[in-house]
Structures are given as structure tokens and as C-alpha cells.
Amino acid sequence: MDPCCEWHPIHTAPCDGTAVLVFHPAWDMMKVGICFDKSCAWQQPCGDQLQTPKYWTVLPSLPIEEQCDAT
């Protein structure tokens, strides 16, 4: 199974500044969140504070752009 599709309880999330996908049932969408051990508070990468999410999963891989040969 693809690890980016497995949701985990938030207490198992990395708290080292790693960006992860997070979710709370009160939200209408998933969000990217980060947590640092020092604060134990969740925030978005832009610095906006987040309500403590309930679940987390790894971010999906970035898309790979295929380059066209212009010859």
C-alpha cells in the first residue's frame, strides 16, 4: 500500500519540522502542517497556527515533468 494513503493518529506524527498532510474532522479540507518539539503546536508552513489535527500522513511525491524534445 502507498504510504501517502495511510492515515495515522496525530500523536505518531513527526515533530521535527517535517511537513506532513494533516486532517481534522472540523475542517472542510486537508492541510499541510508542521510541528516542532519546542512548541508542540501545529502550524501551516506560512506560520499560521492550526487547530491540533487528529490524523496525519506523508506528503505525496512531487510530479515529474516530462520534457519534450524540440528537435
PDB file of N, CA and C in Angstrom:
ATOM      1  N   MET A   1       0.849  -1.189   0.000  1.00  0.00           N
ATOM      2  CA  MET A   1       0.000   0.000   0.000  1.00  0.00           C
ATOM      3  C   MET A   1       0.888   1.244   0.000  1.00  0.00           C
ATOM      4  N   ASP A   2       0.469   2.254  -0.712  1.00  0.00           N
ATOM      5  CA  ASP A   2       1.198   3.507  -0.812  1.00  0.00           C
ATOM      6  C   ASP A   2       1.175   4.221   0.541  1.00  0.00           C
ATOM      7  N   PRO A   3       2.354   4.542   1.123  1.00  0.00           N
ATOM      8  CA  PRO A   3       2.375   5.178   2.446  1.00  0.00           C
ATOM      9  C   PRO A   3       1.668   6.527   2.485  1.00  0.00           C
ATOM     10  N   CYS A   4       1.550   7.217   1.337  1.00  0.00           N
ATOM     11  CA  CYS A   4       0.886   8.523   1.378  1.00  0.00           C
ATOM     12  C   CYS A   4      -0.623   8.379   1.501  1.00  0.00           C
ATOM     13  N   CYS A   5      -1.128   7.172   1.436  1.00  0.00           N
ATOM     14  CA  CYS A   5      -2.573   6.951   1.561  1.00  0.00           C
ATOM     15  C   CYS A   5      -2.964   6.416   2.929  1.00  0.00           C
ATOM     16  N   GLU A   6      -2.005   6.223   3.808  1.00  0.00           N
ATOM     17  CA  GLU A   6      -2.279   5.677   5.135  1.00  0.00           C
ATOM     18  C   GLU A   6      -2.334   6.805   6.161  1.00  0.00           C
ATOM     19  N   TRP A   7      -3.475   6.964   6.809  1.00  0.00           N
ATOM     20  CA  TRP A   7      -3.636   7.983   7.840  1.00  0.00           C
ATOM     21  C   TRP A   7      -3.277   7.400   9.195  1.00  0.00           C
ATOM     22  N   HIS A   8      -2.632   8.214  10.031  1.00  0.00           N
ATOM     23  CA  HIS A   8      -2.151   7.783  11.344  1.00  0.00           C
ATOM     24  C   HIS A   8      -2.655   8.749  12.415  1.00  0.00           C
ATOM     25  N   PRO A   9      -2.782   8.275  13.647  1.00  0.00           N
ATOM     26  CA  PRO A   9      -3.162   9.181  14.739  1.00  0.00           C
ATOM     27  C   PRO A   9      -2.103  10.273  14.891  1.00  0.00           C
ATOM     28  N   ILE A  10      -2.533  11.473  15.220  1.00  0.00           N
ATOM     29  CA  ILE A  10      -1.620  12.616  15.250  1.00  0.00           C
ATOM     30  C   ILE A  10      -0.502  12.442  16.278  1.00  0.00           C
ATOM     31  N   HIS A  11      -0.714  11.663  17.329  1.00  0.00           N
ATOM     32  CA  HIS A  11       0.342  11.504  18.337  1.00  0.00           C
ATOM     33  C   HIS A  11       1.554  10.741  17.787  1.00  0.00           C
ATOM     34  N   THR A  12       1.418  10.136  16.606  1.00  0.00           N
ATOM     35  CA  THR A  12       2.549   9.429  15.999  1.00  0.00           C
ATOM     36  C   THR A  12       3.260  10.275  14.932  1.00  0.00           C
ATOM     37  N   ALA A  13       2.818  11.518  14.737  1.00  0.00           N
ATOM     38  CA  ALA A  13       3.387  12.380  13.695  1.00  0.00           C
ATOM     39  C   ALA A  13       4.788  12.859  14.067  1.00  0.00           C
ATOM     40  N   PRO A  14       5.633  13.115  13.061  1.00  0.00           N
ATOM     41  CA  PRO A  14       6.949  13.685  13.357  1.00  0.00           C
ATOM     42  C   PRO A  14       6.801  15.110  13.890  1.00  0.00           C
ATOM     43  N   CYS A  15       7.583  15.438  14.900  1.00  0.00           N
ATOM     44  CA  CYS A  15       7.540  16.784  15.484  1.00  0.00           C
ATOM     45  C   CYS A  15       8.905  17.442  15.362  1.00  0.00           C
ATOM     46  N   ASP A  16       9.504  17.280  14.179  1.00  0.00           N
ATOM     47  CA  ASP A  16      10.844  17.819  13.930  1.00  0.00           C
ATOM     48  C   ASP A  16      10.844  18.863  12.814  1.00  0.00           C
ATOM     49  N   GLY A  17       9.665  19.398  12.491  1.00  0.00           N
ATOM     50  CA  GLY A  17       9.565  20.387  11.432  1.00  0.00           C
ATOM     51  C   GLY A  17       9.304  19.791  10.059  1.00  0.00           C
ATOM     52  N   THR A  18       9.121  18.478   9.989  1.00  0.00           N
ATOM     53  CA  THR A  18       8.798  17.823   8.720  1.00  0.00           C
ATOM     54  C   THR A  18       7.370  18.175   8.314  1.00  0.00           C
ATOM     55  N   ALA A  19       7.191  18.617   7.084  1.00  0.00           N
ATOM     56  CA  ALA A  19       5.848  18.928   6.590  1.00  0.00           C
ATOM     57  C   ALA A  19       5.106  17.630   6.292  1.00  0.00           C
ATOM     58  N   VAL A  20       3.875  17.548   6.776  1.00  0.00           N
ATOM     59  CA  VAL A  20       3.021  16.382   6.542  1.00  0.00           C
ATOM     60  C   VAL A  20       1.613  16.877   6.196  1.00  0.00           C
ATOM     61  N   LEU A  21       0.817  15.991   5.653  1.00  0.00           N
ATOM     62  CA  LEU A  21      -0.578  16.286   5.365  1.00  0.00           C
ATOM     63  C   LEU A  21      -1.375  15.954   6.613  1.00  0.00           C
ATOM     64  N   VAL A  22      -2.198  16.900   7.077  1.00  0.00           N
ATOM     65  CA  VAL A  22      -2.953  16.703   8.317  1.00  0.00           C
ATOM     66  C   VAL A  22      -4.445  16.915   8.066  1.00  0.00           C
ATOM     67  N   PHE A  23      -5.255  16.368   8.987  1.00  0.00           N
ATOM     68  CA  PHE A  23      -6.709  16.475   8.859  1.00  0.00           C
ATOM     69  C   PHE A  23      -7.360  16.512  10.234  1.00  0.00           C
ATOM     70  N   HIS A  24      -8.405  17.315  10.314  1.00  0.00           N
ATOM     71  CA  HIS A  24      -9.271  17.363  11.492  1.00  0.00           C
ATOM     72  C   HIS A  24     -10.705  17.310  10.976  1.00  0.00           C
ATOM     73  N   PRO A  25     -11.582  16.528  11.591  1.00  0.00           N
ATOM     74  CA  PRO A  25     -12.963  16.417  11.106  1.00  0.00           C
ATOM     75  C   PRO A  25     -13.707  17.756  11.029  1.00  0.00           C
ATOM     76  N   ALA A  26     -13.301  18.758  11.793  1.00  0.00           N
ATOM     77  CA  ALA A  26     -13.960  20.061  11.755  1.00  0.00           C
ATOM     78  C   ALA A  26     -13.577  20.875  10.520  1.00  0.00           C
ATOM     79  N   TRP A  27     -12.509  20.465   9.835  1.00  0.00           N
ATOM     80  CA  TRP A  27     -12.063  21.182   8.637  1.00  0.00           C
ATOM     81  C   TRP A  27     -12.803  20.661   7.424  1.00  0.00           C
ATOM     82  N   ASP A  28     -12.870  21.471   6.380  1.00  0.00           N
ATOM     83  CA  ASP A  28     -13.502  21.028   5.141  1.00  0.00           C
ATOM     84  C   ASP A  28     -12.475  20.548   4.117  1.00  0.00           C
ATOM     85  N   MET A  29     -11.189  20.502   4.515  1.00  0.00           N
ATOM     86  CA  MET A  29     -10.143  20.030   3.610  1.00  0.00           C
ATOM     87  C   MET A  29      -8.916  19.593   4.402  1.00  0.00           C
ATOM     88  N   MET A  30      -8.040  18.873   3.742  1.00  0.00           N
ATOM     89  CA  MET A  30      -6.757  18.513   4.333  1.00  0.00           C
ATOM     90  C   MET A  30      -5.849  19.733   4.262  1.00  0.00           C
ATOM     91  N   LYS A  31      -4.848  19.770   5.131  1.00  0.00           N
ATOM     92  CA  LYS A  31      -3.914  20.899   5.146  1.00  0.00           C
ATOM     93  C   LYS A  31      -2.495  20.366   5.311  1.00  0.00           C
ATOM     94  N   VAL A  32      -1.530  21.151   4.895  1.00  0.00           N
ATOM     95  CA  VAL A  32      -0.134  20.832   5.164  1.00  0.00           C
ATOM     96  C   VAL A  32       0.194  21.449   6.517  1.00  0.00           C
ATOM     97  N   GLY A  33       0.799  20.654   7.388  1.00  0.00           N
ATOM     98  CA  GLY A  33       1.133  21.142   8.713  1.00  0.00           C
ATOM     99  C   GLY A  33       2.529  20.733   9.127  1.00  0.00           C
ATOM    100  N   ILE A  34       3.089  21.504  10.054  1.00  0.00           N
ATOM    101  CA  ILE A  34       4.382  21.176  10.654  1.00  0.00           C
ATOM    102  C   ILE A  34       4.275  21.388  12.157  1.00  0.00           C
ATOM    103  N   CYS A  35       5.072  20.625  12.870  1.00  0.00           N
ATOM    104  CA  CYS A  35       5.102  20.722  14.324  1.00  0.00           C
ATOM    105  C   CYS A  35       6.557  20.663  14.767  1.00  0.00           C
ATOM    106  N   PHE A  36       6.897  21.443  15.765  1.00  0.00           N
ATOM    107  CA  PHE A  36       8.244  21.446  16.327  1.00  0.00           C
ATOM    108  C   PHE A  36       8.159  21.011  17.781  1.00  0.00           C
ATOM    109  N   ASP A  37       9.110  20.211  18.237  1.00  0.00           N
ATOM    110  CA  ASP A  37       9.113  19.732  19.614  1.00  0.00           C
ATOM    111  C   ASP A  37       9.001  20.869  20.627  1.00  0.00           C
ATOM    112  N   LYS A  38       9.688  21.969  20.347  1.00  0.00           N
ATOM    113  CA  LYS A  38       9.736  23.073  21.310  1.00  0.00           C
ATOM    114  C   LYS A  38       8.347  23.623  21.632  1.00  0.00           C
ATOM    115  N   SER A  39       7.500  23.734  20.612  1.00  0.00           N
ATOM    116  CA  SER A  39       6.200  24.374  20.831  1.00  0.00           C
ATOM    117  C   SER A  39       5.052  23.390  20.999  1.00  0.00           C
ATOM    118  N   CYS A  40       5.184  22.207  20.418  1.00  0.00           N
ATOM    119  CA  CYS A  40       4.109  21.208  20.411  1.00  0.00           C
ATOM    120  C   CYS A  40       2.830  21.765  19.800  1.00  0.00           C
ATOM    121  N   ALA A  41       2.949  22.832  19.027  1.00  0.00           N
ATOM    122  CA  ALA A  41       1.799  23.440  18.359  1.00  0.00           C
ATOM    123  C   ALA A  41       1.927  23.205  16.861  1.00  0.00           C
ATOM    124  N   TRP A  42       0.817  22.947  16.218  1.00  0.00           N
ATOM    125  CA  TRP A  42       0.798  22.726  14.769  1.00  0.00           C
ATOM    126  C   TRP A  42       0.596  24.048  14.056  1.00  0.00           C
ATOM    127  N   GLN A  43       1.292  24.193  12.943  1.00  0.00           N
ATOM    128  CA  GLN A  43       1.130  25.384  12.121  1.00  0.00           C
ATOM    129  C   GLN A  43       1.267  25.022  10.652  1.00  0.00           C
ATOM    130  N   GLN A  44       0.793  25.917   9.805  1.00  0.00           N
ATOM    131  CA  GLN A  44       0.981  25.755   8.376  1.00  0.00           C
ATOM    132  C   GLN A  44       2.373  26.262   8.028  1.00  0.00           C
ATOM    133  N   PRO A  45       2.936  25.862   6.876  1.00  0.00           N
ATOM    134  CA  PRO A  45       4.272  26.328   6.502  1.00  0.00           C
ATOM    135  C   PRO A  45       4.405  27.857   6.480  1.00  0.00           C
ATOM    136  N   CYS A  46       3.310  28.570   6.229  1.00  0.00           N
ATOM    137  CA  CYS A  46       3.353  30.039   6.199  1.00  0.00           C
ATOM    138  C   CYS A  46       3.410  30.639   7.609  1.00  0.00           C
ATOM    139  N   GLY A  47       3.243  29.801   8.642  1.00  0.00           N
ATOM    140  CA  GLY A  47       3.313  30.266  10.021  1.00  0.00           C
ATOM    141  C   GLY A  47       1.970  30.388  10.711  1.00  0.00           C
ATOM    142  N   ASP A  48       0.868  30.284   9.965  1.00  0.00           N
ATOM    143  CA  ASP A  48      -0.466  30.348  10.570  1.00  0.00           C
ATOM    144  C   ASP A  48      -0.674  29.143  11.486  1.00  0.00           C
ATOM    145  N   GLN A  49      -1.211  29.389  12.668  1.00  0.00           N
ATOM    146  CA  GLN A  49      -1.464  28.319  13.628  1.00  0.00           C
ATOM    147  C   GLN A  49      -2.615  27.439  13.151  1.00  0.00           C
ATOM    148  N   LEU A  50      -2.538  26.153  13.495  1.00  0.00           N
ATOM    149  CA  LEU A  50      -3.593  25.197  13.168  1.00  0.00           C
ATOM    150  C   LEU A  50      -4.184  24.635  14.456  1.00  0.00           C
ATOM    151  N   GLN A  51      -5.478  24.371  14.428  1.00  0.00           N
ATOM    152  CA  GLN A  51      -6.092  23.574  15.490  1.00  0.00           C
ATOM    153  C   GLN A  51      -5.378  22.222  15.446  1.00  0.00           C
ATOM    154  N   THR A  52      -5.106  21.624  16.572  1.00  0.00           N
ATOM    155  CA  THR A  52      -4.403  20.347  16.577  1.00  0.00           C
ATOM    156  C   THR A  52      -5.168  19.329  15.744  1.00  0.00           C
ATOM    157  N   PRO A  53      -4.523  18.831  14.666  1.00  0.00           N
ATOM    158  CA  PRO A  53      -5.199  17.855  13.815  1.00  0.00           C
ATOM    159  C   PRO A  53      -5.408  16.533  14.536  1.00  0.00           C
ATOM    160  N   LYS A  54      -6.233  15.682  13.956  1.00  0.00           N
ATOM    161  CA  LYS A  54      -6.492  14.355  14.514  1.00  0.00           C
ATOM    162  C   LYS A  54      -5.682  13.272  13.805  1.00  0.00           C
ATOM    163  N   TYR A  55      -5.371  13.508  12.513  1.00  0.00           N
ATOM    164  CA  TYR A  55      -4.692  12.497  11.702  1.00  0.00           C
ATOM    165  C   TYR A  55      -3.614  13.137  10.843  1.00  0.00           C
ATOM    166  N   TRP A  56      -2.650  12.333  10.435  1.00  0.00           N
ATOM    167  CA  TRP A  56      -1.591  12.804   9.552  1.00  0.00           C
ATOM    168  C   TRP A  56      -1.189  11.693   8.587  1.00  0.00           C
ATOM    169  N   THR A  57      -0.562  12.090   7.473  1.00  0.00           N
ATOM    170  CA  THR A  57       0.024  11.161   6.516  1.00  0.00           C
ATOM    171  C   THR A  57       1.172  11.888   5.815  1.00  0.00           C
ATOM    172  N   VAL A  58       2.041  11.145   5.174  1.00  0.00           N
ATOM    173  CA  VAL A  58       3.162  11.764   4.464  1.00  0.00           C
ATOM    174  C   VAL A  58       2.643  12.508   3.238  1.00  0.00           C
ATOM    175  N   LEU A  59       3.385  13.517   2.815  1.00  0.00           N
ATOM    176  CA  LEU A  59       3.030  14.229   1.593  1.00  0.00           C
ATOM    177  C   LEU A  59       3.303  13.332   0.392  1.00  0.00           C
ATOM    178  N   PRO A  60       2.499  13.426  -0.648  1.00  0.00           N
ATOM    179  CA  PRO A  60       2.782  12.638  -1.861  1.00  0.00           C
ATOM    180  C   PRO A  60       4.047  13.159  -2.537  1.00  0.00           C
ATOM    181  N   SER A  61       4.611  12.347  -3.387  1.00  0.00           N
ATOM    182  CA  SER A  61       5.786  12.756  -4.156  1.00  0.00           C
ATOM    183  C   SER A  61       5.411  13.878  -5.109  1.00  0.00           C
ATOM    184  N   LEU A  62       6.382  14.719  -5.412  1.00  0.00           N
ATOM    185  CA  LEU A  62       6.158  15.794  -6.375  1.00  0.00           C
ATOM    186  C   LEU A  62       6.044  15.214  -7.777  1.00  0.00           C
ATOM    187  N   PRO A  63       5.251  15.837  -8.626  1.00  0.00           N
ATOM    188  CA  PRO A  63       5.156  15.329 -10.006  1.00  0.00           C
ATOM    189  C   PRO A  63       6.470  15.560 -10.751  1.00  0.00           C
ATOM    190  N   ILE A  64       6.740  14.688 -11.672  1.00  0.00           N
ATOM    191  CA  ILE A  64       7.937  14.805 -12.514  1.00  0.00           C
ATOM    192  C   ILE A  64       7.484  15.296 -13.869  1.00  0.00           C
ATOM    193  N   GLU A  65       8.008  16.449 -14.255  1.00  0.00           N
ATOM    194  CA  GLU A  65       7.640  16.987 -15.561  1.00  0.00           C
ATOM    195  C   GLU A  65       8.461  16.310 -16.649  1.00  0.00           C
ATOM    196  N   GLU A  66       7.768  15.884 -17.666  1.00  0.00           N
ATOM    197  CA  GLU A  66       8.462  15.294 -18.814  1.00  0.00           C
ATOM    198  C   GLU A  66       8.821  16.421 -19.763  1.00  0.00           C
ATOM    199  N   GLN A  67      10.065  16.416 -20.203  1.00  0.00           N
ATOM    200  CA  GLN A  67      10.490  17.448 -21.134  1.00  0.00           C
ATOM    201  C   GLN A  67      10.343  16.943 -22.550  1.00  0.00           C
ATOM    202  N   CYS A  68       9.828  17.788 -23.418  1.00  0.00           N
ATOM    203  CA  CYS A  68       9.672  17.430 -24.826  1.00  0.00           C
ATOM    204  C   CYS A  68      10.953  17.765 -25.585  1.00  0.00           C
ATOM    205  N   ASP A  69      11.334  16.928 -26.482  1.00  0.00           N
ATOM    206  CA  ASP A  69      12.480  17.193 -27.327  1.00  0.00           C
ATOM    207  C   ASP A  69      11.996  18.062 -28.477  1.00  0.00           C
ATOM    208  N   ALA A  70      12.492  19.286 -28.557  1.00  0.00           N
ATOM    209  CA  ALA A  70      12.016  20.249 -29.560  1.00  0.00           C
ATOM    210  C   ALA A  70      12.680  20.086 -30.922  1.00  0.00           C
ATOM    211  N   THR A  71      13.407  19.024 -31.123  1.00  0.00           N
ATOM    212  CA  THR A  71      14.061  18.857 -32.438  1.00  0.00           C
ATOM    213  C   THR A  71      13.155  18.186 -33.413  1.00  0.00           C
TER     214      THR A  71
END
